[in-house]
C-alpha atoms as a PDB file:
ATOM      1  CA  UNK A   1       0.000   0.000   0.000  1.00  0.00           C
ATOM      2  CA  UNK A   2       2.800   2.420   0.828  1.00  0.00           C
ATOM      3  CA  UNK A   3       4.410   1.829  -2.546  1.00  0.00           C
ATOM      4  CA  UNK A   4       1.115   2.520  -4.340  1.00  0.00           C
ATOM      5  CA  UNK A   5       0.608   5.822  -2.530  1.00  0.00           C
ATOM      6  CA  UNK A   6       4.111   6.949  -3.436  1.00  0.00           C
ATOM      7  CA  UNK A   7       3.428   6.163  -7.083  1.00  0.00           C
ATOM      8  CA  UNK A   8       0.189   8.135  -7.129  1.00  0.00           C
ATOM      9  CA  UNK A   9       1.796  11.110  -5.408  1.00  0.00           C
ATOM     10  CA  UNK A  10       4.522  11.091  -8.036  1.00  0.00           C
ATOM     11  CA  UNK A  11       1.839  11.431 -10.706  1.00  0.00           C
ATOM     12  CA  UNK A  12       0.725  14.638  -9.033  1.00  0.00           C
ATOM     13  CA  UNK A  13       3.881  16.573  -9.937  1.00  0.00           C
ATOM     14  CA  UNK A  14       2.465  19.330 -12.138  1.00  0.00           C
ATOM     15  CA  UNK A  15       3.449  22.643 -13.636  1.00  0.00           C
ATOM     16  CA  UNK A  16       1.902  25.839 -12.324  1.00  0.00           C
ATOM     17  CA  UNK A  17       1.907  29.487 -13.312  1.00  0.00           C
ATOM     18  CA  UNK A  18       2.535  32.571 -11.215  1.00  0.00           C
ATOM     19  CA  UNK A  19      -0.105  35.279 -11.512  1.00  0.00           C
ATOM     20  CA  UNK A  20       2.290  38.192 -11.766  1.00  0.00           C
ATOM     21  CA  UNK A  21       3.990  36.804 -14.847  1.00  0.00           C
ATOM     22  CA  UNK A  22       0.686  36.983 -16.712  1.00  0.00           C
ATOM     23  CA  UNK A  23       0.261  40.098 -18.814  1.00  0.00           C
ATOM     24  CA  UNK A  24      -3.402  40.282 -17.867  1.00  0.00           C
ATOM     25  CA  UNK A  25      -2.601  40.967 -14.192  1.00  0.00           C
ATOM     26  CA  UNK A  26      -1.213  44.460 -13.813  1.00  0.00           C
ATOM     27  CA  UNK A  27       1.672  45.538 -11.642  1.00  0.00           C
ATOM     28  CA  UNK A  28      -0.602  47.391  -9.204  1.00  0.00           C
ATOM     29  CA  UNK A  29      -2.557  44.224  -8.417  1.00  0.00           C
ATOM     30  CA  UNK A  30      -0.834  43.896  -5.040  1.00  0.00           C
ATOM     31  CA  UNK A  31      -2.838  46.869  -3.805  1.00  0.00           C
ATOM     32  CA  UNK A  32      -6.224  45.335  -4.637  1.00  0.00           C
ATOM     33  CA  UNK A  33      -8.324  42.591  -3.130  1.00  0.00           C
ATOM     34  CA  UNK A  34      -9.293  39.402  -4.904  1.00  0.00           C
ATOM     35  CA  UNK A  35     -11.910  36.760  -4.221  1.00  0.00           C
ATOM     36  CA  UNK A  36     -10.261  33.365  -4.066  1.00  0.00           C
ATOM     37  CA  UNK A  37     -11.503  30.985  -6.719  1.00  0.00           C
ATOM     38  CA  UNK A  38     -11.468  27.195  -6.682  1.00  0.00           C
ATOM     39  CA  UNK A  39     -15.034  26.835  -7.913  1.00  0.00           C
ATOM     40  CA  UNK A  40     -15.574  24.828 -11.074  1.00  0.00           C
ATOM     41  CA  UNK A  41     -17.308  26.648 -13.904  1.00  0.00           C
ATOM     42  CA  UNK A  42     -18.807  25.548 -17.194  1.00  0.00           C
ATOM     43  CA  UNK A  43     -17.562  27.525 -20.174  1.00  0.00           C
ATOM     44  CA  UNK A  44     -19.674  27.844 -23.329  1.00  0.00           C
ATOM     45  CA  UNK A  45     -17.431  29.410 -25.941  1.00  0.00           C
ATOM     46  CA  UNK A  46     -18.481  30.696 -29.333  1.00  0.00           C
ATOM     47  CA  UNK A  47     -16.210  29.280 -32.020  1.00  0.00           C
ATOM     48  CA  UNK A  48     -16.047  32.596 -33.892  1.00  0.00           C
ATOM     49  CA  UNK A  49     -17.930  31.199 -36.866  1.00  0.00           C
ATOM     50  CA  UNK A  50     -19.218  27.900 -38.259  1.00  0.00           C
ATOM     51  CA  UNK A  51     -16.445  25.364 -37.765  1.00  0.00           C
ATOM     52  CA  UNK A  52     -16.406  22.353 -40.074  1.00  0.00           C
ATOM     53  CA  UNK A  53     -16.216  19.077 -38.130  1.00  0.00           C
ATOM     54  CA  UNK A  54     -16.377  16.776 -41.135  1.00  0.00           C
ATOM     55  CA  UNK A  55     -17.309  16.764 -44.811  1.00  0.00           C
ATOM     56  CA  UNK A  56     -20.439  15.011 -46.060  1.00  0.00           C
ATOM     57  CA  UNK A  57     -22.546  14.498 -49.196  1.00  0.00           C
ATOM     58  CA  UNK A  58     -25.705  16.132 -50.499  1.00  0.00           C
ATOM     59  CA  UNK A  59     -28.257  13.793 -52.037  1.00  0.00           C
ATOM     60  CA  UNK A  60     -29.807  15.901 -54.805  1.00  0.00           C
ATOM     61  CA  UNK A  61     -32.349  15.103 -57.551  1.00  0.00           C
ATOM     62  CA  UNK A  62     -29.547  14.587 -60.087  1.00  0.00           C
ATOM     63  CA  UNK A  63     -27.302  12.507 -57.813  1.00  0.00           C
ATOM     64  CA  UNK A  64     -24.731  12.835 -55.088  1.00  0.00           C
ATOM     65  CA  UNK A  65     -22.863  16.143 -54.732  1.00  0.00           C
ATOM     66  CA  UNK A  66     -19.901  17.142 -52.537  1.00  0.00           C
ATOM     67  CA  UNK A  67     -19.811  20.946 -52.850  1.00  0.00           C
ATOM     68  CA  UNK A  68     -17.530  21.685 -49.875  1.00  0.00           C
ATOM     69  CA  UNK A  69     -15.075  18.905 -50.672  1.00  0.00           C
ATOM     70  CA  UNK A  70     -14.958  19.846 -54.352  1.00  0.00           C
ATOM     71  CA  UNK A  71     -14.193  23.453 -53.380  1.00  0.00           C
ATOM     72  CA  UNK A  72     -11.270  22.352 -51.215  1.00  0.00           C
ATOM     73  CA  UNK A  73     -12.785  22.913 -47.792  1.00  0.00           C
ATOM     74  CA  UNK A  74     -11.450  20.709 -44.977  1.00  0.00           C
ATOM     75  CA  UNK A  75     -12.389  19.618 -41.466  1.00  0.00           C
ATOM     76  CA  UNK A  76     -11.140  22.248 -39.034  1.00  0.00           C
ATOM     77  CA  UNK A  77     -11.870  25.168 -41.371  1.00  0.00           C
ATOM     78  CA  UNK A  78     -13.993  27.928 -39.858  1.00  0.00           C
ATOM     79  CA  UNK A  79     -16.537  29.696 -42.083  1.00  0.00           C
ATOM     80  CA  UNK A  80     -16.529  33.346 -40.988  1.00  0.00           C
ATOM     81  CA  UNK A  81     -18.578  35.038 -43.721  1.00  0.00           C
ATOM     82  CA  UNK A  82     -20.748  34.316 -46.757  1.00  0.00           C
ATOM     83  CA  UNK A  83     -20.640  36.854 -49.621  1.00  0.00           C
ATOM     84  CA  UNK A  84     -19.261  39.375 -47.149  1.00  0.00           C
ATOM     85  CA  UNK A  85     -21.958  38.818 -44.498  1.00  0.00           C
ATOM     86  CA  UNK A  86     -20.599  37.732 -41.106  1.00  0.00           C
ATOM     87  CA  UNK A  87     -21.261  34.134 -40.065  1.00  0.00           C
ATOM     88  CA  UNK A  88     -21.286  33.669 -36.282  1.00  0.00           C
ATOM     89  CA  UNK A  89     -23.611  30.727 -35.820  1.00  0.00           C
ATOM     90  CA  UNK A  90     -25.319  27.752 -37.416  1.00  0.00           C
ATOM     91  CA  UNK A  91     -28.390  29.961 -37.872  1.00  0.00           C
ATOM     92  CA  UNK A  92     -26.375  32.512 -39.864  1.00  0.00           C
ATOM     93  CA  UNK A  93     -25.029  29.828 -42.216  1.00  0.00           C
ATOM     94  CA  UNK A  94     -28.494  28.364 -42.696  1.00  0.00           C
ATOM     95  CA  UNK A  95     -29.847  31.808 -43.638  1.00  0.00           C
ATOM     96  CA  UNK A  96     -26.969  32.444 -46.045  1.00  0.00           C
ATOM     97  CA  UNK A  97     -27.644  29.192 -47.894  1.00  0.00           C
ATOM     98  CA  UNK A  98     -31.363  29.952 -48.019  1.00  0.00           C
ATOM     99  CA  UNK A  99     -30.606  33.332 -49.641  1.00  0.00           C
ATOM    100  CA  UNK A 100     -28.315  31.937 -52.323  1.00  0.00           C
ATOM    101  CA  UNK A 101     -31.092  30.462 -54.505  1.00  0.00           C
ATOM    102  CA  UNK A 102     -28.697  27.882 -55.883  1.00  0.00           C
ATOM    103  CA  UNK A 103     -26.091  30.436 -56.952  1.00  0.00           C
ATOM    104  CA  UNK A 104     -22.417  30.229 -56.035  1.00  0.00           C
ATOM    105  CA  UNK A 105     -21.544  31.553 -52.563  1.00  0.00           C
ATOM    106  CA  UNK A 106     -18.131  32.978 -51.708  1.00  0.00           C
ATOM    107  CA  UNK A 107     -17.192  31.926 -48.178  1.00  0.00           C
ATOM    108  CA  UNK A 108     -14.522  33.599 -46.083  1.00  0.00           C
ATOM    109  CA  UNK A 109     -12.753  30.664 -44.469  1.00  0.00           C
ATOM    110  CA  UNK A 110     -10.134  30.714 -41.721  1.00  0.00           C
ATOM    111  CA  UNK A 111      -7.548  27.936 -41.693  1.00  0.00           C
ATOM    112  CA  UNK A 112      -4.412  27.868 -39.549  1.00  0.00           C
ATOM    113  CA  UNK A 113      -4.735  31.545 -38.661  1.00  0.00           C
ATOM    114  CA  UNK A 114      -5.050  32.659 -42.305  1.00  0.00           C
ATOM    115  CA  UNK A 115      -8.193  33.651 -44.239  1.00  0.00           C
ATOM    116  CA  UNK A 116      -9.123  32.783 -47.813  1.00  0.00           C
ATOM    117  CA  UNK A 117     -12.079  33.401 -50.116  1.00  0.00           C
ATOM    118  CA  UNK A 118     -13.547  30.075 -51.295  1.00  0.00           C
ATOM    119  CA  UNK A 119     -16.375  29.923 -53.886  1.00  0.00           C
ATOM    120  CA  UNK A 120     -18.796  27.023 -53.314  1.00  0.00           C
ATOM    121  CA  UNK A 121     -21.800  26.002 -55.417  1.00  0.00           C
ATOM    122  CA  UNK A 122     -24.536  24.664 -53.080  1.00  0.00           C
ATOM    123  CA  UNK A 123     -26.672  21.676 -54.077  1.00  0.00           C
ATOM    124  CA  UNK A 124     -30.403  21.373 -53.425  1.00  0.00           C
ATOM    125  CA  UNK A 125     -31.091  18.414 -51.146  1.00  0.00           C
ATOM    126  CA  UNK A 126     -33.770  16.113 -52.545  1.00  0.00           C
ATOM    127  CA  UNK A 127     -35.457  15.319 -49.225  1.00  0.00           C
ATOM    128  CA  UNK A 128     -35.632  18.761 -47.586  1.00  0.00           C
ATOM    129  CA  UNK A 129     -35.509  21.016 -50.641  1.00  0.00           C
ATOM    130  CA  UNK A 130     -32.827  23.121 -48.904  1.00  0.00           C
ATOM    131  CA  UNK A 131     -29.517  24.212 -50.374  1.00  0.00           C
ATOM    132  CA  UNK A 132     -26.545  22.582 -48.669  1.00  0.00           C
ATOM    133  CA  UNK A 133     -22.784  22.369 -49.167  1.00  0.00           C
ATOM    134  CA  UNK A 134     -22.040  19.007 -47.512  1.00  0.00           C
ATOM    135  CA  UNK A 135     -20.546  19.836 -44.114  1.00  0.00           C
ATOM    136  CA  UNK A 136     -21.149  18.966 -40.478  1.00  0.00           C
ATOM    137  CA  UNK A 137     -20.521  22.114 -38.466  1.00  0.00           C
ATOM    138  CA  UNK A 138     -20.597  23.491 -34.937  1.00  0.00           C
ATOM    139  CA  UNK A 139     -20.646  27.024 -33.618  1.00  0.00           C
ATOM    140  CA  UNK A 140     -20.076  26.399 -29.924  1.00  0.00           C
ATOM    141  CA  UNK A 141     -17.549  24.539 -27.775  1.00  0.00           C
ATOM    142  CA  UNK A 142     -17.977  23.700 -24.115  1.00  0.00           C
ATOM    143  CA  UNK A 143     -15.932  22.406 -21.218  1.00  0.00           C
ATOM    144  CA  UNK A 144     -15.289  22.790 -17.517  1.00  0.00           C
ATOM    145  CA  UNK A 145     -12.413  24.371 -15.654  1.00  0.00           C
ATOM    146  CA  UNK A 146     -11.560  26.095 -12.402  1.00  0.00           C
ATOM    147  CA  UNK A 147     -11.759  29.818 -11.661  1.00  0.00           C
ATOM    148  CA  UNK A 148      -8.536  31.158 -10.109  1.00  0.00           C
ATOM    149  CA  UNK A 149      -9.522  34.621  -8.874  1.00  0.00           C
ATOM    150  CA  UNK A 150     -12.132  37.362  -9.185  1.00  0.00           C
ATOM    151  CA  UNK A 151     -11.101  40.978  -8.686  1.00  0.00           C
ATOM    152  CA  UNK A 152     -13.335  42.519  -6.024  1.00  0.00           C
ATOM    153  CA  UNK A 153     -13.686  45.987  -7.537  1.00  0.00           C
ATOM    154  CA  UNK A 154     -14.255  45.052 -11.166  1.00  0.00           C
ATOM    155  CA  UNK A 155     -15.502  41.453 -11.210  1.00  0.00           C
ATOM    156  CA  UNK A 156     -12.710  40.556 -13.637  1.00  0.00           C
ATOM    157  CA  UNK A 157     -11.713  36.894 -13.364  1.00  0.00           C
ATOM    158  CA  UNK A 158      -8.944  34.570 -14.468  1.00  0.00           C
ATOM    159  CA  UNK A 159      -9.364  30.825 -14.977  1.00  0.00           C
ATOM    160  CA  UNK A 160      -7.732  27.645 -16.347  1.00  0.00           C
ATOM    161  CA  UNK A 161      -4.084  28.785 -16.357  1.00  0.00           C
ATOM    162  CA  UNK A 162      -3.444  27.324 -19.823  1.00  0.00           C
ATOM    163  CA  UNK A 163      -4.559  27.864 -23.391  1.00  0.00           C
ATOM    164  CA  UNK A 164      -7.887  26.564 -24.670  1.00  0.00           C
ATOM    165  CA  UNK A 165      -7.429  24.601 -27.873  1.00  0.00           C
ATOM    166  CA  UNK A 166      -9.472  22.637 -30.374  1.00  0.00           C
ATOM    167  CA  UNK A 167      -8.806  19.141 -31.705  1.00  0.00           C
ATOM    168  CA  UNK A 168      -6.051  20.551 -33.923  1.00  0.00           C
ATOM    169  CA  UNK A 169      -4.356  22.119 -30.882  1.00  0.00           C
ATOM    170  CA  UNK A 170      -5.118  25.585 -32.265  1.00  0.00           C
ATOM    171  CA  UNK A 171      -5.723  28.432 -29.815  1.00  0.00           C
ATOM    172  CA  UNK A 172      -9.412  29.333 -29.901  1.00  0.00           C
ATOM    173  CA  UNK A 173     -10.639  32.792 -30.822  1.00  0.00           C
ATOM    174  CA  UNK A 174     -13.769  33.101 -28.713  1.00  0.00           C
ATOM    175  CA  UNK A 175     -16.912  35.142 -29.319  1.00  0.00           C
ATOM    176  CA  UNK A 176     -20.316  35.379 -27.618  1.00  0.00           C
ATOM    177  CA  UNK A 177     -18.976  33.261 -24.758  1.00  0.00           C
ATOM    178  CA  UNK A 178     -20.581  32.648 -21.382  1.00  0.00           C
ATOM    179  CA  UNK A 179     -19.728  31.075 -18.035  1.00  0.00           C
ATOM    180  CA  UNK A 180     -22.146  28.980 -15.965  1.00  0.00           C
ATOM    181  CA  UNK A 181     -22.210  27.457 -12.514  1.00  0.00           C
ATOM    182  CA  UNK A 182     -21.054  23.852 -12.612  1.00  0.00           C
ATOM    183  CA  UNK A 183     -21.540  20.947 -10.219  1.00  0.00           C
ATOM    184  CA  UNK A 184     -19.010  18.107 -10.150  1.00  0.00           C
ATOM    185  CA  UNK A 185     -20.863  14.791 -10.199  1.00  0.00           C
ATOM    186  CA  UNK A 186     -17.963  12.362 -10.588  1.00  0.00           C
ATOM    187  CA  UNK A 187     -14.240  11.865 -11.124  1.00  0.00           C
ATOM    188  CA  UNK A 188     -12.326   9.653 -13.503  1.00  0.00           C
ATOM    189  CA  UNK A 189      -9.213   9.104 -11.417  1.00  0.00           C
ATOM    190  CA  UNK A 190      -5.779   9.732 -12.823  1.00  0.00           C
ATOM    191  CA  UNK A 191      -3.617   6.683 -13.456  1.00  0.00           C
ATOM    192  CA  UNK A 192      -0.231   6.060 -14.988  1.00  0.00           C
ATOM    193  CA  UNK A 193      -0.216   7.511 -18.496  1.00  0.00           C
ATOM    194  CA  UNK A 194      -3.707   8.998 -18.129  1.00  0.00           C
ATOM    195  CA  UNK A 195      -4.574  12.364 -16.617  1.00  0.00           C
ATOM    196  CA  UNK A 196      -8.106  11.616 -15.439  1.00  0.00           C
ATOM    197  CA  UNK A 197     -10.887  14.187 -15.444  1.00  0.00           C
ATOM    198  CA  UNK A 198     -13.713  15.787 -13.494  1.00  0.00           C
ATOM    199  CA  UNK A 199     -17.261  15.155 -14.693  1.00  0.00           C
ATOM    200  CA  UNK A 200     -19.593  18.113 -14.253  1.00  0.00           C
ATOM    201  CA  UNK A 201     -23.045  19.440 -15.074  1.00  0.00           C
ATOM    202  CA  UNK A 202     -23.863  23.014 -16.038  1.00  0.00           C
ATOM    203  CA  UNK A 203     -26.354  24.545 -13.584  1.00  0.00           C
ATOM    204  CA  UNK A 204     -29.129  26.983 -14.505  1.00  0.00           C
ATOM    205  CA  UNK A 205     -29.790  28.689 -17.794  1.00  0.00           C
ATOM    206  CA  UNK A 206     -28.511  32.073 -16.644  1.00  0.00           C
ATOM    207  CA  UNK A 207     -24.823  32.794 -17.118  1.00  0.00           C
ATOM    208  CA  UNK A 208     -22.822  34.097 -14.152  1.00  0.00           C
ATOM    209  CA  UNK A 209     -20.057  35.653 -16.240  1.00  0.00           C
ATOM    210  CA  UNK A 210     -18.900  36.367 -19.765  1.00  0.00           C
ATOM    211  CA  UNK A 211     -15.618  35.179 -21.198  1.00  0.00           C
ATOM    212  CA  UNK A 212     -13.766  37.834 -23.176  1.00  0.00           C
ATOM    213  CA  UNK A 213     -10.208  36.694 -23.807  1.00  0.00           C
ATOM    214  CA  UNK A 214      -8.300  33.459 -24.139  1.00  0.00           C
ATOM    215  CA  UNK A 215      -4.520  33.274 -24.358  1.00  0.00           C
ATOM    216  CA  UNK A 216      -1.641  30.990 -23.441  1.00  0.00           C
ATOM    217  CA  UNK A 217      -2.129  31.654 -19.716  1.00  0.00           C
ATOM    218  CA  UNK A 218      -5.839  31.003 -19.495  1.00  0.00           C
ATOM    219  CA  UNK A 219      -9.297  32.420 -19.988  1.00  0.00           C
ATOM    220  CA  UNK A 220     -10.370  35.845 -18.733  1.00  0.00           C
ATOM    221  CA  UNK A 221     -13.614  37.766 -18.475  1.00  0.00           C
ATOM    222  CA  UNK A 222     -16.057  39.459 -16.102  1.00  0.00           C
ATOM    223  CA  UNK A 223     -18.447  38.074 -13.492  1.00  0.00           C
ATOM    224  CA  UNK A 224     -21.893  39.679 -13.700  1.00  0.00           C
ATOM    225  CA  UNK A 225     -24.297  37.671 -11.538  1.00  0.00           C
ATOM    226  CA  UNK A 226     -22.674  35.797  -8.667  1.00  0.00           C
ATOM    227  CA  UNK A 227     -23.043  35.499  -4.896  1.00  0.00           C
ATOM    228  CA  UNK A 228     -19.666  36.304  -3.307  1.00  0.00           C
ATOM    229  CA  UNK A 229     -20.834  35.702   0.288  1.00  0.00           C
ATOM    230  CA  UNK A 230     -18.909  32.411   0.551  1.00  0.00           C
ATOM    231  CA  UNK A 231     -15.763  33.692  -1.136  1.00  0.00           C
ATOM    232  CA  UNK A 232     -12.573  34.570   0.740  1.00  0.00           C
ATOM    233  CA  UNK A 233     -10.748  37.820   0.057  1.00  0.00           C
ATOM    234  CA  UNK A 234      -6.985  37.517  -0.424  1.00  0.00           C
ATOM    235  CA  UNK A 235      -4.009  39.519  -1.627  1.00  0.00           C
ATOM    236  CA  UNK A 236      -1.986  38.454  -4.650  1.00  0.00           C
ATOM    237  CA  UNK A 237       1.703  37.943  -3.961  1.00  0.00           C
ATOM    238  CA  UNK A 238       4.466  38.427  -6.535  1.00  0.00           C
ATOM    239  CA  UNK A 239       6.442  35.397  -7.665  1.00  0.00           C
ATOM    240  CA  UNK A 240       9.417  36.575  -5.599  1.00  0.00           C
ATOM    241  CA  UNK A 241       7.483  35.728  -2.413  1.00  0.00           C
ATOM    242  CA  UNK A 242       6.915  32.080  -3.410  1.00  0.00           C
ATOM    243  CA  UNK A 243       9.173  29.598  -1.644  1.00  0.00           C
ATOM    244  CA  UNK A 244       9.789  25.869  -1.744  1.00  0.00           C
ATOM    245  CA  UNK A 245       7.672  24.188   0.917  1.00  0.00           C
ATOM    246  CA  UNK A 246       4.078  23.811   2.058  1.00  0.00           C
ATOM    247  CA  UNK A 247       1.165  25.477   0.288  1.00  0.00           C
ATOM    248  CA  UNK A 248      -2.542  24.876  -0.406  1.00  0.00           C
ATOM    249  CA  UNK A 249      -4.641  24.575  -3.550  1.00  0.00           C
ATOM    250  CA  UNK A 250      -8.379  25.192  -3.647  1.00  0.00           C
ATOM    251  CA  UNK A 251     -10.354  22.880  -5.912  1.00  0.00           C
ATOM    252  CA  UNK A 252     -13.849  21.461  -6.318  1.00  0.00           C
ATOM    253  CA  UNK A 253     -13.916  17.716  -6.839  1.00  0.00           C
ATOM    254  CA  UNK A 254     -17.483  17.129  -5.605  1.00  0.00           C
ATOM    255  CA  UNK A 255     -20.517  19.391  -5.813  1.00  0.00           C
ATOM    256  CA  UNK A 256     -20.039  23.148  -6.043  1.00  0.00           C
ATOM    257  CA  UNK A 257     -17.960  24.148  -3.011  1.00  0.00           C
ATOM    258  CA  UNK A 258     -14.161  24.436  -3.258  1.00  0.00           C
ATOM    259  CA  UNK A 259     -12.050  22.739  -0.594  1.00  0.00           C
ATOM    260  CA  UNK A 260      -8.425  23.305   0.480  1.00  0.00           C
ATOM    261  CA  UNK A 261      -5.882  20.564  -0.237  1.00  0.00           C
ATOM    262  CA  UNK A 262      -2.282  20.410   0.944  1.00  0.00           C
ATOM    263  CA  UNK A 263       0.543  20.492  -1.565  1.00  0.00           C
ATOM    264  CA  UNK A 264       4.282  21.072  -1.537  1.00  0.00           C
ATOM    265  CA  UNK A 265       6.030  23.476  -3.895  1.00  0.00           C
ATOM    266  CA  UNK A 266       9.003  21.475  -5.146  1.00  0.00           C
ATOM    267  CA  UNK A 267      10.535  24.051  -7.479  1.00  0.00           C
ATOM    268  CA  UNK A 268      10.267  27.775  -8.212  1.00  0.00           C
ATOM    269  CA  UNK A 269      11.401  28.978 -11.637  1.00  0.00           C
ATOM    270  CA  UNK A 270      11.093  32.764 -11.927  1.00  0.00           C
ATOM    271  CA  UNK A 271      12.683  32.877 -15.382  1.00  0.00           C
ATOM    272  CA  UNK A 272      10.445  30.409 -17.184  1.00  0.00           C
ATOM    273  CA  UNK A 273       9.413  32.034 -20.475  1.00  0.00           C
ATOM    274  CA  UNK A 274       6.332  29.822 -20.872  1.00  0.00           C
ATOM    275  CA  UNK A 275       4.845  31.046 -17.582  1.00  0.00           C
ATOM    276  CA  UNK A 276       5.331  27.636 -15.934  1.00  0.00           C
ATOM    277  CA  UNK A 277       6.871  28.918 -12.753  1.00  0.00           C
ATOM    278  CA  UNK A 278       6.235  26.175 -10.190  1.00  0.00           C
ATOM    279  CA  UNK A 279       6.398  22.446  -9.848  1.00  0.00           C
ATOM    280  CA  UNK A 280       4.083  21.191  -7.119  1.00  0.00           C
ATOM    281  CA  UNK A 281       3.471  17.837  -5.506  1.00  0.00           C
ATOM    282  CA  UNK A 282       0.095  16.876  -4.080  1.00  0.00           C
ATOM    283  CA  UNK A 283       0.598  15.645  -0.522  1.00  0.00           C
ATOM    284  CA  UNK A 284      -3.034  15.625   0.624  1.00  0.00           C
ATOM    285  CA  UNK A 285      -4.051  11.988   1.154  1.00  0.00           C
ATOM    286  CA  UNK A 286      -7.741  12.803   0.714  1.00  0.00           C
ATOM    287  CA  UNK A 287      -7.223  14.395  -2.698  1.00  0.00           C
ATOM    288  CA  UNK A 288      -4.950  11.555  -3.823  1.00  0.00           C
ATOM    289  CA  UNK A 289      -7.619   9.064  -2.786  1.00  0.00           C
ATOM    290  CA  UNK A 290     -10.409  10.938  -4.577  1.00  0.00           C
ATOM    291  CA  UNK A 291      -8.695  11.913  -7.833  1.00  0.00           C
ATOM    292  CA  UNK A 292      -5.240  10.347  -7.988  1.00  0.00           C
ATOM    293  CA  UNK A 293      -3.674  13.828  -8.083  1.00  0.00           C
ATOM    294  CA  UNK A 294      -4.353  16.661 -10.519  1.00  0.00           C
ATOM    295  CA  UNK A 295      -6.949  15.811 -13.181  1.00  0.00           C
ATOM    296  CA  UNK A 296      -8.463  17.689 -16.111  1.00  0.00           C
ATOM    297  CA  UNK A 297     -10.930  20.281 -14.862  1.00  0.00           C
ATOM    298  CA  UNK A 298      -8.742  21.216 -11.887  1.00  0.00           C
ATOM    299  CA  UNK A 299      -6.488  23.448 -13.960  1.00  0.00           C
ATOM    300  CA  UNK A 300      -6.885  27.006 -12.729  1.00  0.00           C
ATOM    301  CA  UNK A 301      -7.076  25.916  -9.084  1.00  0.00           C
ATOM    302  CA  UNK A 302      -5.562  28.761  -7.050  1.00  0.00           C
ATOM    303  CA  UNK A 303      -2.352  28.167  -5.076  1.00  0.00           C
ATOM    304  CA  UNK A 304      -2.147  29.902  -1.697  1.00  0.00           C
ATOM    305  CA  UNK A 305       1.000  30.224   0.387  1.00  0.00           C
ATOM    306  CA  UNK A 306       1.291  32.231   3.617  1.00  0.00           C
ATOM    307  CA  UNK A 307      -2.274  33.451   3.136  1.00  0.00           C
ATOM    308  CA  UNK A 308      -1.617  34.973  -0.290  1.00  0.00           C
ATOM    309  CA  UNK A 309      -2.561  33.911  -3.791  1.00  0.00           C
ATOM    310  CA  UNK A 310       0.667  33.111  -5.648  1.00  0.00           C
ATOM    311  CA  UNK A 311      -0.388  31.184  -8.743  1.00  0.00           C
ATOM    312  CA  UNK A 312      -2.639  28.679 -10.470  1.00  0.00           C
ATOM    313  CA  UNK A 313      -2.430  25.001 -11.266  1.00  0.00           C
ATOM    314  CA  UNK A 314      -1.888  24.086 -14.884  1.00  0.00           C
ATOM    315  CA  UNK A 315      -0.415  20.891 -16.322  1.00  0.00           C
ATOM    316  CA  UNK A 316       1.462  19.371 -19.180  1.00  0.00           C
ATOM    317  CA  UNK A 317      -1.620  17.812 -20.743  1.00  0.00           C
ATOM    318  CA  UNK A 318      -3.266  19.626 -23.659  1.00  0.00           C
ATOM    319  CA  UNK A 319      -6.939  20.158 -22.918  1.00  0.00           C
ATOM    320  CA  UNK A 320      -9.211  19.487 -25.866  1.00  0.00           C
ATOM    321  CA  UNK A 321     -12.666  20.978 -25.515  1.00  0.00           C
ATOM    322  CA  UNK A 322     -15.592  18.852 -26.623  1.00  0.00           C
ATOM    323  CA  UNK A 323     -18.236  20.171 -29.035  1.00  0.00           C
ATOM    324  CA  UNK A 324     -21.565  21.192 -27.601  1.00  0.00           C
ATOM    325  CA  UNK A 325     -24.771  19.772 -29.053  1.00  0.00           C
ATOM    326  CA  UNK A 326     -25.225  22.757 -31.384  1.00  0.00           C
ATOM    327  CA  UNK A 327     -24.128  20.959 -34.553  1.00  0.00           C
ATOM    328  CA  UNK A 328     -25.797  20.288 -37.860  1.00  0.00           C
ATOM    329  CA  UNK A 329     -25.368  19.190 -41.467  1.00  0.00           C
ATOM    330  CA  UNK A 330     -25.418  21.867 -44.202  1.00  0.00           C
END
């Protein structure tokens, strides 16, 4: 048993970021007060257009057509406009195809950070009578993560501690994005070679915050409708105050209430250019028993040492966000 516990604890060595090395936290942050995070939130992020998941066929009166494939479109492309009209959702694309009347449509398509104009000739589907181009698309991505802090005066928050990427490991450009309360209903424990993950449910239909920016250090936005009565106010400490030794992370691994868990800071790296400034080891037996260490969904968990917020948990695993149910064939 002792050998097994040592092995699991070794899995919990993770990389963490210091808040003051993030460009989104200003140098005068030490003078302000911040609500400590640790609560798990559900993020519903707009994909910035109609993202193609896969190519398909259109069964027309005169046979099978593959308009998108024939035009050179690929899975992972994001349709941003049709004949110069902005496409932000599945609804927008549907309306654009309805307007075309069977004529060629010029789509503005983003691929690998670059945009191109792609002419596509829609085909009229035999069954529905609608014009389609043969794509399965989505306009929304969703996932769960942990809020690190909320600034008391402004409601500005930081979460996740790492970039948010799609299946191609591309940094997302978010739009019309919202944050919801989330309840953790289960845990897939971490094991050797597998990170594990939290399983959560979005609560309520009303968003508690809006997400405004995503970058390599996490996701940022503003809380708009949240009860802070259970939150703890803390100061943010600069990286220079972090020391090797005992600390605490706040995470939610069951329900909605964050709990403190003991860790040890094993290494402090002030000069890390990728904002991975700490290595921590989970020493809390309860957390090891429940999760096996740090699992997906816990990234963003705030790190507190000597009563001050010094950083956020991130990890070496690339988080891939799953598509929401807002998908459809066109």
